[in-house]
């Protein structure tokens, strides 16, 4: 039988080993194992586009972790495109959580994902993270008779989104609306000044442990 290195990226599926599926039906994919480990460390990933399907999955994970313990939850964000409707839904879930949600941004944070990060209790990012405060591009699939109604709905979503980002960042609502309309691109330091972030992670700053008995999910060092 091949050893574990030859089986990678699959891990042994022996139910008694604690590393498989527990069903005796075979090995567990490494991606599934990583996902379970992240949930065990109270980390929820927001990777790739945020849509109706992904927001349903994330809301379920966040609410499950909320009911499972009192320690903070880390939202790890690398999302370049997020429609406003699912973003507003996820912002509702984050703000209604009974435990703090800490956002850790890496890669890119675009459109509606900026609002999700903004409403978290604590917001940090890697120095190379890119932010895009803009309205997501959508394809119009409405019947011509429903165009006016569709446009009104979109305008309402945009107004609510901008108001909540403004409240979270300390910016004037008109400033956020203008930035979203024309599209504003920022680096991590600019996002810090704008109020989207609380800190930028640096390798030379002291590591602060998150509350709880276990180690912090990510060992990045805050700038301040």
C-alpha atoms as a PDB file:
ATOM      1  CA  UNK A   1       0.000   0.000   0.000  1.00  0.00           C
ATOM      2  CA  UNK A   2       1.429   3.470  -0.866  1.00  0.00           C
ATOM      3  CA  UNK A   3       2.578   5.727   1.958  1.00  0.00           C
ATOM      4  CA  UNK A   4       0.969   9.035   2.841  1.00  0.00           C
ATOM      5  CA  UNK A   5       3.295  11.108   0.666  1.00  0.00           C
ATOM      6  CA  UNK A   6       2.334   9.111  -2.415  1.00  0.00           C
ATOM      7  CA  UNK A   7      -1.358   9.492  -1.605  1.00  0.00           C
ATOM      8  CA  UNK A   8      -1.234  13.307  -1.341  1.00  0.00           C
ATOM      9  CA  UNK A   9      -3.469  15.331  -1.739  1.00  0.00           C
ATOM     10  CA  UNK A  10      -5.627  12.626  -0.165  1.00  0.00           C
ATOM     11  CA  UNK A  11      -5.333  11.693   3.458  1.00  0.00           C
ATOM     12  CA  UNK A  12      -6.109   8.283   4.973  1.00  0.00           C
ATOM     13  CA  UNK A  13      -9.799   7.581   5.402  1.00  0.00           C
ATOM     14  CA  UNK A  14      -9.639   5.137   8.284  1.00  0.00           C
ATOM     15  CA  UNK A  15     -12.614   6.031  10.520  1.00  0.00           C
ATOM     16  CA  UNK A  16     -10.566   5.238  13.596  1.00  0.00           C
ATOM     17  CA  UNK A  17      -7.717   7.551  12.656  1.00  0.00           C
ATOM     18  CA  UNK A  18      -9.734  10.772  12.939  1.00  0.00           C
ATOM     19  CA  UNK A  19      -8.357  11.998   9.606  1.00  0.00           C
ATOM     20  CA  UNK A  20     -10.842  10.487   7.175  1.00  0.00           C
ATOM     21  CA  UNK A  21     -14.482  10.960   6.453  1.00  0.00           C
ATOM     22  CA  UNK A  22     -15.553   8.865   9.405  1.00  0.00           C
ATOM     23  CA  UNK A  23     -17.830   6.854   7.137  1.00  0.00           C
ATOM     24  CA  UNK A  24     -15.379   4.175   6.069  1.00  0.00           C
ATOM     25  CA  UNK A  25     -16.116   5.047   2.427  1.00  0.00           C
ATOM     26  CA  UNK A  26     -12.621   6.202   1.560  1.00  0.00           C
ATOM     27  CA  UNK A  27     -10.165   9.038   2.044  1.00  0.00           C
ATOM     28  CA  UNK A  28     -11.209  12.641   2.581  1.00  0.00           C
ATOM     29  CA  UNK A  29     -10.093  15.326   0.090  1.00  0.00           C
ATOM     30  CA  UNK A  30      -7.471  17.672   1.491  1.00  0.00           C
ATOM     31  CA  UNK A  31      -9.704  20.681   0.730  1.00  0.00           C
ATOM     32  CA  UNK A  32     -12.457  19.231   2.923  1.00  0.00           C
ATOM     33  CA  UNK A  33      -9.985  18.566   5.711  1.00  0.00           C
ATOM     34  CA  UNK A  34      -8.675  22.143   5.530  1.00  0.00           C
ATOM     35  CA  UNK A  35     -12.239  23.502   5.591  1.00  0.00           C
ATOM     36  CA  UNK A  36     -13.045  21.470   8.715  1.00  0.00           C
ATOM     37  CA  UNK A  37      -9.825  22.582  10.394  1.00  0.00           C
ATOM     38  CA  UNK A  38     -10.604  26.233   9.636  1.00  0.00           C
ATOM     39  CA  UNK A  39     -14.085  25.917  11.143  1.00  0.00           C
ATOM     40  CA  UNK A  40     -12.569  24.240  14.192  1.00  0.00           C
ATOM     41  CA  UNK A  41     -10.356  27.330  14.594  1.00  0.00           C
ATOM     42  CA  UNK A  42     -13.427  29.561  14.081  1.00  0.00           C
ATOM     43  CA  UNK A  43     -12.284  30.826  10.674  1.00  0.00           C
ATOM     44  CA  UNK A  44     -14.779  31.401   7.829  1.00  0.00           C
ATOM     45  CA  UNK A  45     -13.326  32.066   4.348  1.00  0.00           C
ATOM     46  CA  UNK A  46     -14.793  34.564   1.906  1.00  0.00           C
ATOM     47  CA  UNK A  47     -12.882  33.573  -1.209  1.00  0.00           C
ATOM     48  CA  UNK A  48     -13.927  34.226  -4.782  1.00  0.00           C
ATOM     49  CA  UNK A  49     -17.129  35.999  -5.885  1.00  0.00           C
ATOM     50  CA  UNK A  50     -19.842  36.575  -3.281  1.00  0.00           C
ATOM     51  CA  UNK A  51     -23.188  35.449  -4.669  1.00  0.00           C
ATOM     52  CA  UNK A  52     -26.444  33.967  -3.381  1.00  0.00           C
ATOM     53  CA  UNK A  53     -24.954  30.475  -3.038  1.00  0.00           C
ATOM     54  CA  UNK A  54     -21.790  31.495  -1.198  1.00  0.00           C
ATOM     55  CA  UNK A  55     -23.589  33.921   1.124  1.00  0.00           C
ATOM     56  CA  UNK A  56     -25.954  31.122   2.191  1.00  0.00           C
ATOM     57  CA  UNK A  57     -23.000  28.896   3.039  1.00  0.00           C
ATOM     58  CA  UNK A  58     -21.178  31.649   4.911  1.00  0.00           C
ATOM     59  CA  UNK A  59     -24.244  32.728   6.871  1.00  0.00           C
ATOM     60  CA  UNK A  60     -24.790  29.135   8.011  1.00  0.00           C
ATOM     61  CA  UNK A  61     -21.151  28.795   9.095  1.00  0.00           C
ATOM     62  CA  UNK A  62     -21.139  32.099  10.961  1.00  0.00           C
ATOM     63  CA  UNK A  63     -24.367  31.368  12.802  1.00  0.00           C
ATOM     64  CA  UNK A  64     -23.164  27.865  13.671  1.00  0.00           C
ATOM     65  CA  UNK A  65     -19.946  29.245  15.169  1.00  0.00           C
ATOM     66  CA  UNK A  66     -21.953  31.902  17.012  1.00  0.00           C
ATOM     67  CA  UNK A  67     -24.033  29.192  18.685  1.00  0.00           C
ATOM     68  CA  UNK A  68     -20.999  26.978  19.291  1.00  0.00           C
ATOM     69  CA  UNK A  69     -18.928  29.298  21.472  1.00  0.00           C
ATOM     70  CA  UNK A  70     -18.176  32.785  22.750  1.00  0.00           C
ATOM     71  CA  UNK A  71     -14.763  33.343  21.130  1.00  0.00           C
ATOM     72  CA  UNK A  72     -14.376  35.745  18.179  1.00  0.00           C
ATOM     73  CA  UNK A  73     -14.754  34.492  14.624  1.00  0.00           C
ATOM     74  CA  UNK A  74     -12.213  35.364  11.929  1.00  0.00           C
ATOM     75  CA  UNK A  75     -13.546  36.193   8.461  1.00  0.00           C
ATOM     76  CA  UNK A  76     -10.705  35.650   5.972  1.00  0.00           C
ATOM     77  CA  UNK A  77     -11.450  37.770   2.895  1.00  0.00           C
ATOM     78  CA  UNK A  78     -10.058  37.493  -0.628  1.00  0.00           C
ATOM     79  CA  UNK A  79     -13.018  38.560  -2.756  1.00  0.00           C
ATOM     80  CA  UNK A  80     -12.689  40.788  -5.782  1.00  0.00           C
ATOM     81  CA  UNK A  81     -16.353  40.780  -6.784  1.00  0.00           C
ATOM     82  CA  UNK A  82     -19.452  40.827  -4.587  1.00  0.00           C
ATOM     83  CA  UNK A  83     -22.967  41.769  -5.627  1.00  0.00           C
ATOM     84  CA  UNK A  84     -24.679  44.270  -3.345  1.00  0.00           C
ATOM     85  CA  UNK A  85     -27.698  42.132  -2.395  1.00  0.00           C
ATOM     86  CA  UNK A  86     -25.688  39.193  -0.944  1.00  0.00           C
ATOM     87  CA  UNK A  87     -23.205  41.654   0.550  1.00  0.00           C
ATOM     88  CA  UNK A  88     -26.007  43.415   2.439  1.00  0.00           C
ATOM     89  CA  UNK A  89     -27.279  40.036   3.653  1.00  0.00           C
ATOM     90  CA  UNK A  90     -23.833  39.073   4.944  1.00  0.00           C
ATOM     91  CA  UNK A  91     -23.433  42.484   6.578  1.00  0.00           C
ATOM     92  CA  UNK A  92     -26.718  41.829   8.441  1.00  0.00           C
ATOM     93  CA  UNK A  93     -25.438  38.465   9.659  1.00  0.00           C
ATOM     94  CA  UNK A  94     -22.107  39.931  10.821  1.00  0.00           C
ATOM     95  CA  UNK A  95     -23.763  42.755  12.730  1.00  0.00           C
ATOM     96  CA  UNK A  96     -26.283  40.423  14.384  1.00  0.00           C
ATOM     97  CA  UNK A  97     -23.621  37.973  15.575  1.00  0.00           C
ATOM     98  CA  UNK A  98     -23.404  37.519  19.334  1.00  0.00           C
ATOM     99  CA  UNK A  99     -19.593  37.245  19.131  1.00  0.00           C
ATOM    100  CA  UNK A 100     -17.098  39.640  17.500  1.00  0.00           C
ATOM    101  CA  UNK A 101     -16.232  39.015  13.852  1.00  0.00           C
ATOM    102  CA  UNK A 102     -12.666  39.925  12.898  1.00  0.00           C
ATOM    103  CA  UNK A 103     -11.877  40.478   9.220  1.00  0.00           C
ATOM    104  CA  UNK A 104      -8.471  39.530   7.829  1.00  0.00           C
ATOM    105  CA  UNK A 105      -8.029  40.727   4.237  1.00  0.00           C
ATOM    106  CA  UNK A 106      -5.549  39.398   1.718  1.00  0.00           C
ATOM    107  CA  UNK A 107      -5.332  39.586  -2.051  1.00  0.00           C
ATOM    108  CA  UNK A 108      -8.221  41.808  -3.083  1.00  0.00           C
ATOM    109  CA  UNK A 109     -11.427  43.153  -1.585  1.00  0.00           C
ATOM    110  CA  UNK A 110     -13.852  44.583  -4.124  1.00  0.00           C
ATOM    111  CA  UNK A 111     -17.343  46.051  -4.490  1.00  0.00           C
ATOM    112  CA  UNK A 112     -19.760  44.634  -1.887  1.00  0.00           C
ATOM    113  CA  UNK A 113     -16.999  42.807   0.019  1.00  0.00           C
ATOM    114  CA  UNK A 114     -15.705  46.192   1.184  1.00  0.00           C
ATOM    115  CA  UNK A 115     -18.954  46.678   3.088  1.00  0.00           C
ATOM    116  CA  UNK A 116     -18.693  43.243   4.694  1.00  0.00           C
ATOM    117  CA  UNK A 117     -15.205  44.071   5.955  1.00  0.00           C
ATOM    118  CA  UNK A 118     -16.245  47.542   7.094  1.00  0.00           C
ATOM    119  CA  UNK A 119     -18.936  46.285   9.508  1.00  0.00           C
ATOM    120  CA  UNK A 120     -16.670  43.737  11.232  1.00  0.00           C
ATOM    121  CA  UNK A 121     -15.643  44.405  14.822  1.00  0.00           C
ATOM    122  CA  UNK A 122     -11.956  44.478  13.877  1.00  0.00           C
ATOM    123  CA  UNK A 123     -10.488  44.866  10.385  1.00  0.00           C
ATOM    124  CA  UNK A 124      -6.908  44.074   9.338  1.00  0.00           C
ATOM    125  CA  UNK A 125      -5.171  43.432   6.023  1.00  0.00           C
ATOM    126  CA  UNK A 126      -1.857  42.351   4.565  1.00  0.00           C
ATOM    127  CA  UNK A 127       0.214  45.227   3.144  1.00  0.00           C
ATOM    128  CA  UNK A 128      -0.317  44.134  -0.481  1.00  0.00           C
ATOM    129  CA  UNK A 129      -4.130  43.877  -0.235  1.00  0.00           C
ATOM    130  CA  UNK A 130      -6.018  45.896  -2.848  1.00  0.00           C
ATOM    131  CA  UNK A 131      -9.427  47.496  -2.226  1.00  0.00           C
ATOM    132  CA  UNK A 132     -11.979  48.560  -4.816  1.00  0.00           C
ATOM    133  CA  UNK A 133     -14.898  50.638  -3.554  1.00  0.00           C
ATOM    134  CA  UNK A 134     -17.174  50.386  -6.574  1.00  0.00           C
ATOM    135  CA  UNK A 135     -20.518  49.109  -7.711  1.00  0.00           C
ATOM    136  CA  UNK A 136     -20.294  45.567  -9.088  1.00  0.00           C
ATOM    137  CA  UNK A 137     -20.911  45.032 -12.773  1.00  0.00           C
ATOM    138  CA  UNK A 138     -24.148  43.126 -13.396  1.00  0.00           C
ATOM    139  CA  UNK A 139     -25.902  41.932 -16.509  1.00  0.00           C
ATOM    140  CA  UNK A 140     -29.436  43.175 -17.052  1.00  0.00           C
ATOM    141  CA  UNK A 141     -31.780  40.248 -17.559  1.00  0.00           C
ATOM    142  CA  UNK A 142     -35.063  41.986 -16.779  1.00  0.00           C
ATOM    143  CA  UNK A 143     -37.862  42.357 -19.290  1.00  0.00           C
ATOM    144  CA  UNK A 144     -38.007  45.800 -20.853  1.00  0.00           C
ATOM    145  CA  UNK A 145     -41.228  46.570 -18.927  1.00  0.00           C
ATOM    146  CA  UNK A 146     -39.430  45.821 -15.659  1.00  0.00           C
ATOM    147  CA  UNK A 147     -36.315  47.913 -16.326  1.00  0.00           C
ATOM    148  CA  UNK A 148     -37.585  50.863 -14.279  1.00  0.00           C
ATOM    149  CA  UNK A 149     -38.447  48.621 -11.333  1.00  0.00           C
ATOM    150  CA  UNK A 150     -35.069  46.879 -11.591  1.00  0.00           C
ATOM    151  CA  UNK A 151     -33.246  50.229 -11.671  1.00  0.00           C
ATOM    152  CA  UNK A 152     -35.187  51.414  -8.608  1.00  0.00           C
ATOM    153  CA  UNK A 153     -34.267  48.254  -6.717  1.00  0.00           C
ATOM    154  CA  UNK A 154     -30.600  48.639  -7.613  1.00  0.00           C
ATOM    155  CA  UNK A 155     -30.622  52.281  -6.546  1.00  0.00           C
ATOM    156  CA  UNK A 156     -32.133  51.337  -3.182  1.00  0.00           C
ATOM    157  CA  UNK A 157     -29.499  48.644  -2.618  1.00  0.00           C
ATOM    158  CA  UNK A 158     -26.714  51.077  -3.500  1.00  0.00           C
ATOM    159  CA  UNK A 159     -28.084  53.734  -1.161  1.00  0.00           C
ATOM    160  CA  UNK A 160     -28.365  51.326   1.787  1.00  0.00           C
ATOM    161  CA  UNK A 161     -24.907  49.931   1.083  1.00  0.00           C
ATOM    162  CA  UNK A 162     -23.294  53.373   0.973  1.00  0.00           C
ATOM    163  CA  UNK A 163     -25.075  54.478   4.156  1.00  0.00           C
ATOM    164  CA  UNK A 164     -23.808  51.457   6.078  1.00  0.00           C
ATOM    165  CA  UNK A 165     -20.251  51.802   4.778  1.00  0.00           C
ATOM    166  CA  UNK A 166     -20.336  55.488   5.736  1.00  0.00           C
ATOM    167  CA  UNK A 167     -21.508  54.660   9.264  1.00  0.00           C
ATOM    168  CA  UNK A 168     -18.780  52.031   9.666  1.00  0.00           C
ATOM    169  CA  UNK A 169     -15.920  54.147   8.308  1.00  0.00           C
ATOM    170  CA  UNK A 170     -16.869  57.597   9.583  1.00  0.00           C
ATOM    171  CA  UNK A 171     -17.078  59.016   6.058  1.00  0.00           C
ATOM    172  CA  UNK A 172     -19.947  61.186   4.884  1.00  0.00           C
ATOM    173  CA  UNK A 173     -22.610  59.215   2.971  1.00  0.00           C
ATOM    174  CA  UNK A 174     -22.212  61.562  -0.003  1.00  0.00           C
ATOM    175  CA  UNK A 175     -18.476  60.809  -0.077  1.00  0.00           C
ATOM    176  CA  UNK A 176     -19.043  57.071  -0.146  1.00  0.00           C
ATOM    177  CA  UNK A 177     -21.751  57.406  -2.794  1.00  0.00           C
ATOM    178  CA  UNK A 178     -19.411  59.458  -4.980  1.00  0.00           C
ATOM    179  CA  UNK A 179     -16.548  56.964  -4.540  1.00  0.00           C
ATOM    180  CA  UNK A 180     -18.788  54.015  -5.373  1.00  0.00           C
ATOM    181  CA  UNK A 181     -20.197  55.759  -8.436  1.00  0.00           C
ATOM    182  CA  UNK A 182     -16.836  56.607  -9.955  1.00  0.00           C
ATOM    183  CA  UNK A 183     -14.946  53.650  -8.494  1.00  0.00           C
ATOM    184  CA  UNK A 184     -12.173  54.262  -5.960  1.00  0.00           C
ATOM    185  CA  UNK A 185      -9.149  51.967  -5.753  1.00  0.00           C
ATOM    186  CA  UNK A 186      -7.016  51.877  -2.612  1.00  0.00           C
ATOM    187  CA  UNK A 187      -4.048  50.101  -1.162  1.00  0.00           C
ATOM    188  CA  UNK A 188      -4.032  48.848   2.417  1.00  0.00           C
ATOM    189  CA  UNK A 189      -2.651  52.109   3.832  1.00  0.00           C
ATOM    190  CA  UNK A 190      -5.268  54.162   1.983  1.00  0.00           C
ATOM    191  CA  UNK A 191      -8.018  51.835   3.240  1.00  0.00           C
ATOM    192  CA  UNK A 192      -6.666  52.369   6.761  1.00  0.00           C
ATOM    193  CA  UNK A 193      -6.913  56.145   6.355  1.00  0.00           C
ATOM    194  CA  UNK A 194     -10.383  55.842   4.806  1.00  0.00           C
ATOM    195  CA  UNK A 195     -11.655  53.921   7.844  1.00  0.00           C
ATOM    196  CA  UNK A 196     -12.206  50.541   6.187  1.00  0.00           C
ATOM    197  CA  UNK A 197      -9.359  49.004   8.223  1.00  0.00           C
ATOM    198  CA  UNK A 198      -8.175  49.231  11.808  1.00  0.00           C
ATOM    199  CA  UNK A 199      -4.635  48.048  11.103  1.00  0.00           C
ATOM    200  CA  UNK A 200      -2.232  46.771   8.469  1.00  0.00           C
ATOM    201  CA  UNK A 201      -0.372  43.579   9.348  1.00  0.00           C
ATOM    202  CA  UNK A 202       3.423  43.777   9.382  1.00  0.00           C
ATOM    203  CA  UNK A 203       6.111  41.136  10.019  1.00  0.00           C
ATOM    204  CA  UNK A 204       7.936  43.343  12.549  1.00  0.00           C
ATOM    205  CA  UNK A 205       4.995  44.065  14.886  1.00  0.00           C
ATOM    206  CA  UNK A 206       4.188  42.003  17.994  1.00  0.00           C
ATOM    207  CA  UNK A 207       1.789  39.074  17.594  1.00  0.00           C
ATOM    208  CA  UNK A 208      -1.391  39.411  19.664  1.00  0.00           C
ATOM    209  CA  UNK A 209      -3.282  36.263  20.564  1.00  0.00           C
ATOM    210  CA  UNK A 210      -7.003  36.195  19.967  1.00  0.00           C
ATOM    211  CA  UNK A 211      -9.180  35.349  22.992  1.00  0.00           C
ATOM    212  CA  UNK A 212      -9.722  31.649  23.509  1.00  0.00           C
ATOM    213  CA  UNK A 213      -7.800  28.580  24.539  1.00  0.00           C
ATOM    214  CA  UNK A 214      -6.300  27.730  21.174  1.00  0.00           C
ATOM    215  CA  UNK A 215      -3.700  29.471  19.020  1.00  0.00           C
ATOM    216  CA  UNK A 216      -4.739  32.343  16.745  1.00  0.00           C
ATOM    217  CA  UNK A 217      -6.061  31.126  13.393  1.00  0.00           C
ATOM    218  CA  UNK A 218      -3.579  33.317  11.507  1.00  0.00           C
ATOM    219  CA  UNK A 219      -0.295  34.560  12.994  1.00  0.00           C
ATOM    220  CA  UNK A 220      -0.063  37.933  11.208  1.00  0.00           C
ATOM    221  CA  UNK A 221       1.396  40.879  12.999  1.00  0.00           C
ATOM    222  CA  UNK A 222      -0.606  44.157  13.254  1.00  0.00           C
ATOM    223  CA  UNK A 223       1.015  47.477  12.356  1.00  0.00           C
ATOM    224  CA  UNK A 224      -0.636  49.259  15.260  1.00  0.00           C
END
